[in-house]
Amino acid sequence: MRLVALGALGAIALGGCGGMHKTYLPDGNRGYSISCRGVLNSWDSCLVKAGRVCGTRGYDTLRSSEFDRSLLISCKAPPRK
């Protein structure tokens, strides 16, 4: 039982924290805070997450930290037809 608990804790530690949270920017628009911390995440994984959030619209980077592996982005407006 102890070995299973240690294995689970090890997996959590390796994966680390990471994720995306919706937020509101000072101008009232929606933004996204993306975190890619942990041993298994890289700076590239943050950029991929940002691309997935906004899709083909693209995004503007408002704040970034490669050291902390975090981004604050806003999606660009969809193209007008």
N, C-alpha and C. Protein backbone atom coordinates (compact mmCIF):
# COMPACT_ATOMS: atom_id res chain seq x y z
N MET A 1 0.83 -1.20 0.00
CA MET A 1 0.00 0.00 0.00
C MET A 1 0.88 1.26 0.00
N ARG A 2 1.93 1.22 0.79
CA ARG A 2 2.82 2.37 0.89
C ARG A 2 3.50 2.65 -0.45
N LEU A 3 3.85 1.61 -1.17
CA LEU A 3 4.50 1.75 -2.47
C LEU A 3 3.57 2.42 -3.48
N VAL A 4 2.30 2.08 -3.42
CA VAL A 4 1.31 2.70 -4.32
C VAL A 4 1.19 4.19 -4.01
N ALA A 5 1.14 4.54 -2.75
CA ALA A 5 1.02 5.95 -2.35
C ALA A 5 2.26 6.73 -2.79
N LEU A 6 3.44 6.15 -2.63
CA LEU A 6 4.67 6.83 -3.05
C LEU A 6 4.70 6.98 -4.57
N GLY A 7 4.23 5.99 -5.28
CA GLY A 7 4.18 6.08 -6.74
C GLY A 7 3.24 7.19 -7.20
N ALA A 8 2.10 7.31 -6.55
CA ALA A 8 1.14 8.36 -6.90
C ALA A 8 1.72 9.73 -6.61
N LEU A 9 2.37 9.89 -5.48
CA LEU A 9 3.00 11.17 -5.15
C LEU A 9 4.10 11.52 -6.14
N GLY A 10 4.86 10.53 -6.55
CA GLY A 10 5.92 10.75 -7.53
C GLY A 10 5.36 11.20 -8.87
N ALA A 11 4.27 10.60 -9.30
CA ALA A 11 3.65 10.99 -10.57
C ALA A 11 3.14 12.42 -10.50
N ILE A 12 2.57 12.81 -9.39
CA ILE A 12 2.08 14.18 -9.23
C ILE A 12 3.25 15.16 -9.26
N ALA A 13 4.34 14.81 -8.59
CA ALA A 13 5.51 15.70 -8.56
C ALA A 13 6.13 15.86 -9.93
N LEU A 14 6.19 14.80 -10.71
CA LEU A 14 6.76 14.88 -12.05
C LEU A 14 5.88 15.70 -12.98
N GLY A 15 4.59 15.50 -12.88
CA GLY A 15 3.67 16.23 -13.74
C GLY A 15 3.60 17.70 -13.35
N GLY A 16 3.68 17.97 -12.09
CA GLY A 16 3.65 19.34 -11.60
C GLY A 16 2.33 20.00 -11.85
N CYS A 17 2.33 21.28 -11.66
CA CYS A 17 1.13 22.06 -11.88
C CYS A 17 1.12 22.56 -13.31
N GLY A 18 0.00 22.68 -13.84
CA GLY A 18 -0.14 23.21 -15.18
C GLY A 18 -1.61 23.36 -15.48
N GLY A 19 -1.91 24.32 -16.28
CA GLY A 19 -3.30 24.47 -16.64
C GLY A 19 -3.58 25.83 -17.22
N MET A 20 -4.87 26.05 -17.43
CA MET A 20 -5.32 27.29 -18.03
C MET A 20 -6.52 27.78 -17.23
N HIS A 21 -6.53 29.08 -16.95
CA HIS A 21 -7.64 29.68 -16.21
C HIS A 21 -8.12 30.92 -16.96
N LYS A 22 -9.44 31.05 -17.06
CA LYS A 22 -10.01 32.26 -17.65
C LYS A 22 -9.87 33.40 -16.65
N THR A 23 -9.64 34.58 -17.16
CA THR A 23 -9.53 35.76 -16.31
C THR A 23 -10.03 36.96 -17.08
N TYR A 24 -10.18 38.08 -16.42
CA TYR A 24 -10.56 39.31 -17.10
C TYR A 24 -9.41 40.29 -17.03
N LEU A 25 -9.18 40.94 -18.14
CA LEU A 25 -8.09 41.89 -18.27
C LEU A 25 -8.53 43.26 -17.79
N PRO A 26 -7.61 44.18 -17.54
CA PRO A 26 -7.99 45.52 -17.05
C PRO A 26 -8.98 46.25 -17.96
N ASP A 27 -8.94 45.95 -19.27
CA ASP A 27 -9.88 46.62 -20.18
C ASP A 27 -11.25 45.94 -20.23
N GLY A 28 -11.44 44.87 -19.44
CA GLY A 28 -12.72 44.18 -19.37
C GLY A 28 -12.84 42.99 -20.30
N ASN A 29 -11.91 42.82 -21.21
CA ASN A 29 -11.93 41.67 -22.10
C ASN A 29 -11.49 40.42 -21.38
N ARG A 30 -11.86 39.28 -21.94
CA ARG A 30 -11.46 38.00 -21.36
C ARG A 30 -10.02 37.69 -21.75
N GLY A 31 -9.29 37.13 -20.82
CA GLY A 31 -7.92 36.69 -21.06
C GLY A 31 -7.75 35.30 -20.50
N TYR A 32 -6.59 34.74 -20.72
CA TYR A 32 -6.30 33.39 -20.26
C TYR A 32 -4.92 33.37 -19.62
N SER A 33 -4.86 32.81 -18.44
CA SER A 33 -3.60 32.62 -17.73
C SER A 33 -3.21 31.16 -17.90
N ILE A 34 -2.06 30.93 -18.51
CA ILE A 34 -1.62 29.58 -18.82
C ILE A 34 -0.34 29.30 -18.05
N SER A 35 -0.33 28.16 -17.36
CA SER A 35 0.82 27.76 -16.57
C SER A 35 1.30 26.39 -17.04
N CYS A 36 2.58 26.24 -17.23
CA CYS A 36 3.16 24.97 -17.70
C CYS A 36 4.29 24.54 -16.80
N ARG A 37 4.09 24.62 -15.52
CA ARG A 37 5.13 24.23 -14.56
C ARG A 37 5.23 22.72 -14.48
N GLY A 38 6.28 22.25 -13.93
CA GLY A 38 6.47 20.83 -13.75
C GLY A 38 7.56 20.29 -14.65
N VAL A 39 8.10 19.18 -14.27
CA VAL A 39 9.22 18.57 -14.98
C VAL A 39 8.83 18.15 -16.40
N LEU A 40 7.60 17.67 -16.57
CA LEU A 40 7.19 17.14 -17.87
C LEU A 40 6.69 18.22 -18.83
N ASN A 41 6.57 19.44 -18.39
CA ASN A 41 6.11 20.53 -19.24
C ASN A 41 7.30 21.37 -19.69
N SER A 42 7.15 22.00 -20.85
CA SER A 42 8.20 22.86 -21.38
C SER A 42 7.57 24.18 -21.81
N TRP A 43 8.41 25.13 -22.20
CA TRP A 43 7.93 26.41 -22.71
C TRP A 43 7.07 26.16 -23.95
N ASP A 44 7.48 25.23 -24.78
CA ASP A 44 6.72 24.92 -25.98
C ASP A 44 5.31 24.42 -25.64
N SER A 45 5.17 23.70 -24.55
CA SER A 45 3.84 23.21 -24.18
C SER A 45 2.93 24.38 -23.81
N CYS A 46 3.49 25.46 -23.25
CA CYS A 46 2.68 26.66 -22.97
C CYS A 46 2.19 27.28 -24.28
N LEU A 47 3.06 27.36 -25.25
CA LEU A 47 2.69 27.95 -26.53
C LEU A 47 1.64 27.11 -27.24
N VAL A 48 1.74 25.81 -27.13
CA VAL A 48 0.75 24.91 -27.73
C VAL A 48 -0.61 25.11 -27.05
N LYS A 49 -0.62 25.20 -25.71
CA LYS A 49 -1.88 25.43 -24.99
C LYS A 49 -2.51 26.74 -25.42
N ALA A 50 -1.71 27.79 -25.56
CA ALA A 50 -2.24 29.08 -26.00
C ALA A 50 -2.85 28.97 -27.39
N GLY A 51 -2.19 28.26 -28.26
CA GLY A 51 -2.72 28.06 -29.60
C GLY A 51 -4.02 27.30 -29.61
N ARG A 52 -4.14 26.32 -28.75
CA ARG A 52 -5.38 25.54 -28.66
C ARG A 52 -6.53 26.36 -28.11
N VAL A 53 -6.24 27.22 -27.14
CA VAL A 53 -7.29 28.04 -26.54
C VAL A 53 -7.92 28.97 -27.57
N CYS A 54 -7.09 29.60 -28.38
CA CYS A 54 -7.59 30.63 -29.31
C CYS A 54 -7.83 30.11 -30.72
N GLY A 55 -7.29 28.96 -31.04
CA GLY A 55 -7.53 28.36 -32.34
C GLY A 55 -6.98 29.21 -33.48
N THR A 56 -7.73 29.26 -34.57
CA THR A 56 -7.28 29.95 -35.78
C THR A 56 -7.27 31.46 -35.64
N ARG A 57 -7.91 31.99 -34.59
CA ARG A 57 -7.89 33.45 -34.39
C ARG A 57 -6.51 33.95 -34.02
N GLY A 58 -5.72 33.12 -33.36
CA GLY A 58 -4.43 33.56 -32.86
C GLY A 58 -4.58 34.30 -31.54
N TYR A 59 -3.47 34.74 -30.99
CA TYR A 59 -3.51 35.41 -29.68
C TYR A 59 -2.42 36.45 -29.58
N ASP A 60 -2.62 37.36 -28.64
CA ASP A 60 -1.62 38.35 -28.28
C ASP A 60 -1.08 37.98 -26.90
N THR A 61 0.23 37.99 -26.76
CA THR A 61 0.85 37.72 -25.46
C THR A 61 0.94 39.02 -24.68
N LEU A 62 0.30 39.05 -23.52
CA LEU A 62 0.30 40.25 -22.69
C LEU A 62 1.41 40.21 -21.65
N ARG A 63 1.74 39.00 -21.19
CA ARG A 63 2.82 38.84 -20.23
C ARG A 63 3.32 37.41 -20.36
N SER A 64 4.62 37.24 -20.28
CA SER A 64 5.17 35.89 -20.36
C SER A 64 6.41 35.78 -19.49
N SER A 65 6.66 34.57 -19.04
CA SER A 65 7.86 34.28 -18.27
C SER A 65 8.32 32.88 -18.62
N GLU A 66 9.41 32.78 -19.36
CA GLU A 66 9.95 31.47 -19.68
C GLU A 66 10.50 30.79 -18.43
N PHE A 67 10.99 31.58 -17.48
CA PHE A 67 11.52 31.02 -16.24
C PHE A 67 10.42 30.30 -15.46
N ASP A 68 9.26 30.96 -15.29
CA ASP A 68 8.12 30.37 -14.58
C ASP A 68 7.24 29.54 -15.49
N ARG A 69 7.50 29.60 -16.79
CA ARG A 69 6.69 28.94 -17.80
C ARG A 69 5.22 29.30 -17.64
N SER A 70 4.96 30.60 -17.78
CA SER A 70 3.59 31.08 -17.67
C SER A 70 3.33 32.16 -18.72
N LEU A 71 2.09 32.23 -19.16
CA LEU A 71 1.65 33.21 -20.16
C LEU A 71 0.35 33.84 -19.72
N LEU A 72 0.15 35.08 -20.08
CA LEU A 72 -1.14 35.75 -20.00
C LEU A 72 -1.43 36.19 -21.42
N ILE A 73 -2.54 35.68 -21.99
CA ILE A 73 -2.85 35.97 -23.38
C ILE A 73 -4.27 36.47 -23.54
N SER A 74 -4.52 37.10 -24.68
CA SER A 74 -5.89 37.42 -25.09
C SER A 74 -6.02 36.95 -26.53
N CYS A 75 -7.14 36.34 -26.84
CA CYS A 75 -7.40 35.86 -28.19
C CYS A 75 -7.71 37.06 -29.08
N LYS A 76 -7.25 36.99 -30.30
CA LYS A 76 -7.54 38.04 -31.27
C LYS A 76 -9.00 37.92 -31.70
N ALA A 77 -9.55 39.02 -32.17
CA ALA A 77 -10.94 39.02 -32.65
C ALA A 77 -11.04 38.14 -33.89
N PRO A 78 -12.16 37.46 -34.06
CA PRO A 78 -12.32 36.64 -35.27
C PRO A 78 -12.32 37.53 -36.50
N PRO A 79 -11.84 37.01 -37.64
CA PRO A 79 -11.81 37.83 -38.85
C PRO A 79 -13.23 38.15 -39.31
N ARG A 80 -13.39 39.35 -39.84
CA ARG A 80 -14.71 39.76 -40.34
C ARG A 80 -14.93 39.15 -41.71
N LYS A 81 -16.15 38.78 -41.97
CA LYS A 81 -16.49 38.18 -43.27
C LYS A 81 -17.16 39.16 -44.18
